[in-house]
Amino acid sequence: MAERAATVGVTALAECCPSILAAPLAVGEAGELARAFAALSDPVRLRMLSMLAAAPSGEVCVCDFVAPLGKAQPTVSHHLKVLGDAGLIHGERRGKWVWYSLDRARLTSLRDALSA
């Protein structure tokens, strides 16, 4: 019975969210996925995502990226913009600082796109 339920769950997921490996991608969808995966191709940006994922509150102030990354503030801002443009993070201005959080749904969609 559990095996059947698992099979039905996998089938439902496959119908709802097909893997990019299962069928040809439309031009727009391929471009969107490529932008997101390109944003993940930099070690600094991967470290930023890791910091956001590990943040107890689920968010990190822009000022808190500078020292751990060993990068200047303009470089940090550039990387945050790339991640934001790819839809992987969201920023919320509070006073003079911006607080960033992951878009977990977007990251899940990227993972699901690769799932066979």
N, C-alpha and C. Protein backbone atom coordinates (compact mmCIF):
# COMPACT_ATOMS: atom_id res chain seq x y z
N MET A 1 0.82 -1.18 0.00
CA MET A 1 0.00 0.00 0.00
C MET A 1 0.87 1.25 0.00
N ALA A 2 1.90 1.29 0.87
CA ALA A 2 2.78 2.44 0.94
C ALA A 2 3.53 2.62 -0.38
N GLU A 3 3.90 1.49 -1.01
CA GLU A 3 4.60 1.56 -2.29
C GLU A 3 3.73 2.21 -3.35
N ARG A 4 2.45 1.86 -3.36
CA ARG A 4 1.50 2.45 -4.32
C ARG A 4 1.34 3.95 -4.06
N ALA A 5 1.24 4.35 -2.80
CA ALA A 5 1.09 5.76 -2.46
C ALA A 5 2.33 6.53 -2.90
N ALA A 6 3.50 5.95 -2.72
CA ALA A 6 4.73 6.62 -3.14
C ALA A 6 4.76 6.76 -4.65
N THR A 7 4.32 5.74 -5.37
CA THR A 7 4.29 5.80 -6.83
C THR A 7 3.30 6.86 -7.30
N VAL A 8 2.13 6.92 -6.68
CA VAL A 8 1.14 7.93 -7.04
C VAL A 8 1.70 9.32 -6.77
N GLY A 9 2.40 9.52 -5.64
CA GLY A 9 3.00 10.81 -5.31
C GLY A 9 4.03 11.22 -6.34
N VAL A 10 4.87 10.29 -6.77
CA VAL A 10 5.88 10.58 -7.78
C VAL A 10 5.23 10.92 -9.11
N THR A 11 4.19 10.19 -9.47
CA THR A 11 3.47 10.45 -10.72
C THR A 11 2.83 11.83 -10.68
N ALA A 12 2.21 12.19 -9.57
CA ALA A 12 1.57 13.50 -9.45
C ALA A 12 2.62 14.60 -9.56
N LEU A 13 3.77 14.42 -8.93
CA LEU A 13 4.83 15.41 -9.01
C LEU A 13 5.34 15.53 -10.43
N ALA A 14 5.50 14.42 -11.11
CA ALA A 14 5.99 14.45 -12.48
C ALA A 14 5.03 15.19 -13.39
N GLU A 15 3.72 15.03 -13.17
CA GLU A 15 2.74 15.73 -13.99
C GLU A 15 2.72 17.21 -13.67
N CYS A 16 2.89 17.55 -12.42
CA CYS A 16 2.82 18.94 -11.97
C CYS A 16 4.10 19.70 -12.30
N CYS A 17 5.22 19.13 -12.02
CA CYS A 17 6.51 19.81 -12.14
C CYS A 17 7.48 18.95 -12.94
N PRO A 18 7.34 18.89 -14.25
CA PRO A 18 8.22 18.02 -15.03
C PRO A 18 9.68 18.46 -14.94
N SER A 19 10.55 17.51 -14.90
CA SER A 19 11.98 17.78 -14.87
C SER A 19 12.42 18.32 -16.22
N ILE A 20 13.45 19.18 -16.21
CA ILE A 20 13.99 19.67 -17.47
C ILE A 20 14.63 18.53 -18.26
N LEU A 21 14.88 17.43 -17.57
CA LEU A 21 15.48 16.29 -18.24
C LEU A 21 14.43 15.43 -18.94
N ALA A 22 13.14 15.65 -18.62
CA ALA A 22 12.07 14.80 -19.15
C ALA A 22 11.50 15.28 -20.47
N ALA A 23 11.60 16.57 -20.76
CA ALA A 23 10.98 17.12 -21.97
C ALA A 23 11.75 18.35 -22.41
N PRO A 24 11.67 18.69 -23.69
CA PRO A 24 12.35 19.90 -24.16
C PRO A 24 11.79 21.14 -23.47
N LEU A 25 12.68 22.08 -23.19
CA LEU A 25 12.29 23.34 -22.56
C LEU A 25 11.88 24.35 -23.60
N ALA A 26 10.90 25.17 -23.26
CA ALA A 26 10.56 26.32 -24.11
C ALA A 26 11.68 27.35 -23.97
N VAL A 27 11.81 28.21 -24.94
CA VAL A 27 12.89 29.21 -24.96
C VAL A 27 12.86 30.07 -23.71
N GLY A 28 11.69 30.57 -23.33
CA GLY A 28 11.58 31.43 -22.15
C GLY A 28 11.94 30.72 -20.87
N GLU A 29 11.46 29.49 -20.73
CA GLU A 29 11.75 28.71 -19.53
C GLU A 29 13.24 28.40 -19.44
N ALA A 30 13.85 28.08 -20.57
CA ALA A 30 15.29 27.79 -20.58
C ALA A 30 16.08 29.03 -20.17
N GLY A 31 15.68 30.19 -20.68
CA GLY A 31 16.38 31.43 -20.32
C GLY A 31 16.26 31.75 -18.84
N GLU A 32 15.06 31.56 -18.30
CA GLU A 32 14.83 31.82 -16.87
C GLU A 32 15.67 30.89 -16.00
N LEU A 33 15.68 29.61 -16.33
CA LEU A 33 16.48 28.66 -15.57
C LEU A 33 17.97 28.95 -15.71
N ALA A 34 18.41 29.31 -16.91
CA ALA A 34 19.83 29.60 -17.13
C ALA A 34 20.28 30.79 -16.28
N ARG A 35 19.45 31.83 -16.20
CA ARG A 35 19.80 32.99 -15.37
C ARG A 35 19.95 32.60 -13.91
N ALA A 36 19.03 31.77 -13.43
CA ALA A 36 19.08 31.35 -12.03
C ALA A 36 20.31 30.49 -11.77
N PHE A 37 20.58 29.53 -12.66
CA PHE A 37 21.75 28.67 -12.45
C PHE A 37 23.05 29.44 -12.62
N ALA A 38 23.07 30.43 -13.50
CA ALA A 38 24.27 31.27 -13.66
C ALA A 38 24.54 32.04 -12.37
N ALA A 39 23.49 32.49 -11.71
CA ALA A 39 23.67 33.22 -10.45
C ALA A 39 24.29 32.32 -9.39
N LEU A 40 24.07 31.03 -9.50
CA LEU A 40 24.62 30.08 -8.53
C LEU A 40 26.06 29.68 -8.85
N SER A 41 26.58 30.14 -9.97
CA SER A 41 27.89 29.66 -10.43
C SER A 41 29.07 30.39 -9.81
N ASP A 42 28.84 31.26 -8.86
CA ASP A 42 29.93 32.01 -8.23
C ASP A 42 30.07 31.58 -6.77
N PRO A 43 31.30 31.28 -6.33
CA PRO A 43 31.50 30.83 -4.95
C PRO A 43 31.04 31.84 -3.90
N VAL A 44 31.21 33.13 -4.16
CA VAL A 44 30.77 34.14 -3.20
C VAL A 44 29.26 34.11 -3.05
N ARG A 45 28.55 33.99 -4.16
CA ARG A 45 27.09 33.94 -4.09
C ARG A 45 26.61 32.66 -3.41
N LEU A 46 27.29 31.56 -3.64
CA LEU A 46 26.92 30.32 -2.94
C LEU A 46 27.13 30.47 -1.43
N ARG A 47 28.21 31.15 -1.05
CA ARG A 47 28.44 31.39 0.38
C ARG A 47 27.36 32.28 0.96
N MET A 48 26.92 33.28 0.20
CA MET A 48 25.84 34.16 0.66
C MET A 48 24.56 33.36 0.89
N LEU A 49 24.22 32.50 -0.06
CA LEU A 49 23.03 31.67 0.10
C LEU A 49 23.15 30.76 1.32
N SER A 50 24.35 30.25 1.54
CA SER A 50 24.60 29.40 2.70
C SER A 50 24.41 30.18 4.00
N MET A 51 24.90 31.41 4.01
CA MET A 51 24.74 32.26 5.20
C MET A 51 23.26 32.55 5.45
N LEU A 52 22.53 32.83 4.39
CA LEU A 52 21.09 33.10 4.53
C LEU A 52 20.35 31.85 5.03
N ALA A 53 20.70 30.70 4.49
CA ALA A 53 20.05 29.46 4.89
C ALA A 53 20.33 29.13 6.35
N ALA A 54 21.51 29.50 6.84
CA ALA A 54 21.89 29.18 8.21
C ALA A 54 21.47 30.24 9.22
N ALA A 55 21.00 31.39 8.76
CA ALA A 55 20.64 32.48 9.67
C ALA A 55 19.46 32.05 10.55
N PRO A 56 19.62 32.15 11.87
CA PRO A 56 18.54 31.73 12.77
C PRO A 56 17.23 32.46 12.50
N SER A 57 17.30 33.73 12.14
CA SER A 57 16.09 34.50 11.89
C SER A 57 15.60 34.37 10.45
N GLY A 58 16.41 33.72 9.62
CA GLY A 58 16.04 33.56 8.22
C GLY A 58 16.39 34.75 7.35
N GLU A 59 17.07 35.73 7.93
CA GLU A 59 17.47 36.90 7.17
C GLU A 59 18.81 37.43 7.66
N VAL A 60 19.49 38.16 6.76
CA VAL A 60 20.81 38.71 7.08
C VAL A 60 20.84 40.15 6.58
N CYS A 61 21.39 41.03 7.40
CA CYS A 61 21.57 42.43 7.00
C CYS A 61 22.74 42.50 6.02
N VAL A 62 22.60 43.37 5.04
CA VAL A 62 23.67 43.54 4.05
C VAL A 62 25.01 43.81 4.74
N CYS A 63 24.98 44.54 5.82
CA CYS A 63 26.22 44.88 6.53
C CYS A 63 26.92 43.65 7.11
N ASP A 64 26.16 42.58 7.35
CA ASP A 64 26.73 41.37 7.95
C ASP A 64 27.38 40.43 6.96
N PHE A 65 27.34 40.75 5.67
CA PHE A 65 28.01 39.93 4.66
C PHE A 65 29.47 40.34 4.46
N VAL A 66 29.78 41.61 4.69
CA VAL A 66 31.08 42.17 4.32
C VAL A 66 32.25 41.44 4.99
N ALA A 67 32.26 41.39 6.30
CA ALA A 67 33.40 40.78 7.01
C ALA A 67 33.56 39.29 6.73
N PRO A 68 32.51 38.47 6.87
CA PRO A 68 32.69 37.03 6.64
C PRO A 68 33.14 36.69 5.22
N LEU A 69 32.69 37.49 4.25
CA LEU A 69 33.05 37.22 2.85
C LEU A 69 34.40 37.82 2.48
N GLY A 70 34.87 38.78 3.27
CA GLY A 70 36.14 39.45 2.95
C GLY A 70 36.06 40.25 1.66
N LYS A 71 34.88 40.79 1.39
CA LYS A 71 34.65 41.57 0.17
C LYS A 71 34.21 42.97 0.55
N ALA A 72 34.51 43.92 -0.31
CA ALA A 72 34.07 45.30 -0.09
C ALA A 72 32.57 45.39 -0.26
N GLN A 73 31.97 46.41 0.36
CA GLN A 73 30.52 46.57 0.31
C GLN A 73 29.98 46.67 -1.11
N PRO A 74 30.64 47.40 -2.04
CA PRO A 74 30.10 47.43 -3.41
C PRO A 74 30.09 46.04 -4.08
N THR A 75 31.08 45.22 -3.77
CA THR A 75 31.12 43.87 -4.34
C THR A 75 30.01 43.02 -3.76
N VAL A 76 29.78 43.14 -2.46
CA VAL A 76 28.68 42.42 -1.81
C VAL A 76 27.35 42.84 -2.43
N SER A 77 27.17 44.14 -2.62
CA SER A 77 25.93 44.64 -3.23
C SER A 77 25.74 44.10 -4.64
N HIS A 78 26.82 44.01 -5.40
CA HIS A 78 26.73 43.46 -6.75
C HIS A 78 26.23 42.02 -6.71
N HIS A 79 26.83 41.21 -5.85
CA HIS A 79 26.44 39.81 -5.76
C HIS A 79 24.99 39.67 -5.28
N LEU A 80 24.57 40.50 -4.35
CA LEU A 80 23.19 40.46 -3.88
C LEU A 80 22.23 40.84 -5.00
N LYS A 81 22.62 41.79 -5.83
CA LYS A 81 21.78 42.19 -6.96
C LYS A 81 21.62 41.02 -7.94
N VAL A 82 22.72 40.33 -8.23
CA VAL A 82 22.65 39.18 -9.14
C VAL A 82 21.69 38.12 -8.58
N LEU A 83 21.82 37.82 -7.30
CA LEU A 83 20.94 36.83 -6.68
C LEU A 83 19.49 37.30 -6.67
N GLY A 84 19.29 38.59 -6.43
CA GLY A 84 17.94 39.14 -6.44
C GLY A 84 17.32 39.12 -7.83
N ASP A 85 18.12 39.51 -8.84
CA ASP A 85 17.62 39.51 -10.22
C ASP A 85 17.24 38.10 -10.68
N ALA A 86 17.91 37.10 -10.12
CA ALA A 86 17.61 35.71 -10.46
C ALA A 86 16.42 35.17 -9.65
N GLY A 87 15.90 35.99 -8.75
CA GLY A 87 14.75 35.58 -7.95
C GLY A 87 15.08 34.65 -6.81
N LEU A 88 16.36 34.57 -6.44
CA LEU A 88 16.77 33.63 -5.41
C LEU A 88 16.68 34.21 -4.00
N ILE A 89 16.71 35.55 -3.90
CA ILE A 89 16.63 36.22 -2.60
C ILE A 89 15.70 37.43 -2.72
N HIS A 90 15.28 37.91 -1.56
CA HIS A 90 14.46 39.12 -1.48
C HIS A 90 15.12 40.06 -0.47
N GLY A 91 15.07 41.35 -0.76
CA GLY A 91 15.58 42.35 0.16
C GLY A 91 14.46 43.23 0.68
N GLU A 92 14.59 43.61 1.94
CA GLU A 92 13.61 44.52 2.56
C GLU A 92 14.37 45.63 3.26
N ARG A 93 14.15 46.87 2.82
CA ARG A 93 14.83 48.02 3.41
C ARG A 93 14.19 48.35 4.75
N ARG A 94 15.06 48.51 5.76
CA ARG A 94 14.65 48.94 7.09
C ARG A 94 15.61 50.04 7.51
N GLY A 95 15.15 51.26 7.44
CA GLY A 95 16.03 52.39 7.72
C GLY A 95 17.08 52.48 6.64
N LYS A 96 18.35 52.53 7.04
CA LYS A 96 19.41 52.64 6.03
C LYS A 96 19.96 51.29 5.58
N TRP A 97 19.48 50.19 6.19
CA TRP A 97 20.00 48.87 5.86
C TRP A 97 18.95 48.05 5.11
N VAL A 98 19.44 47.08 4.35
CA VAL A 98 18.56 46.14 3.66
C VAL A 98 18.81 44.75 4.25
N TRP A 99 17.72 44.08 4.57
CA TRP A 99 17.77 42.73 5.11
C TRP A 99 17.36 41.77 4.01
N TYR A 100 18.14 40.70 3.84
CA TYR A 100 17.91 39.73 2.77
C TYR A 100 17.46 38.39 3.34
N SER A 101 16.61 37.72 2.56
CA SER A 101 16.14 36.38 2.91
C SER A 101 16.06 35.55 1.62
N LEU A 102 16.11 34.24 1.79
CA LEU A 102 16.02 33.33 0.65
C LEU A 102 14.60 33.27 0.11
N ASP A 103 14.50 33.06 -1.18
CA ASP A 103 13.21 32.69 -1.77
C ASP A 103 13.26 31.17 -1.87
N ARG A 104 12.82 30.53 -0.83
CA ARG A 104 12.92 29.07 -0.74
C ARG A 104 12.11 28.37 -1.83
N ALA A 105 10.99 28.95 -2.21
CA ALA A 105 10.17 28.35 -3.27
C ALA A 105 10.94 28.36 -4.58
N ARG A 106 11.65 29.45 -4.85
CA ARG A 106 12.43 29.54 -6.10
C ARG A 106 13.56 28.51 -6.09
N LEU A 107 14.24 28.37 -4.97
CA LEU A 107 15.33 27.39 -4.87
C LEU A 107 14.77 25.97 -5.03
N THR A 108 13.62 25.73 -4.46
CA THR A 108 12.99 24.41 -4.60
C THR A 108 12.63 24.15 -6.06
N SER A 109 12.15 25.18 -6.75
CA SER A 109 11.79 24.98 -8.17
C SER A 109 13.02 24.65 -9.01
N LEU A 110 14.17 25.23 -8.67
CA LEU A 110 15.41 24.91 -9.39
C LEU A 110 15.82 23.46 -9.13
N ARG A 111 15.72 23.06 -7.88
CA ARG A 111 16.04 21.66 -7.54
C ARG A 111 15.11 20.72 -8.25
N ASP A 112 13.82 21.04 -8.24
CA ASP A 112 12.83 20.18 -8.89
C ASP A 112 13.03 20.12 -10.40
N ALA A 113 13.51 21.20 -10.98
CA ALA A 113 13.74 21.22 -12.44
C ALA A 113 14.79 20.20 -12.84
N LEU A 114 15.70 19.88 -11.94
CA LEU A 114 16.76 18.92 -12.25
C LEU A 114 16.41 17.50 -11.86
N SER A 115 15.38 17.34 -11.07
CA SER A 115 15.01 16.00 -10.61
C SER A 115 14.49 15.16 -11.76
N ALA A 116 14.95 13.95 -11.79
CA ALA A 116 14.51 13.04 -12.87
C ALA A 116 13.18 12.44 -12.54
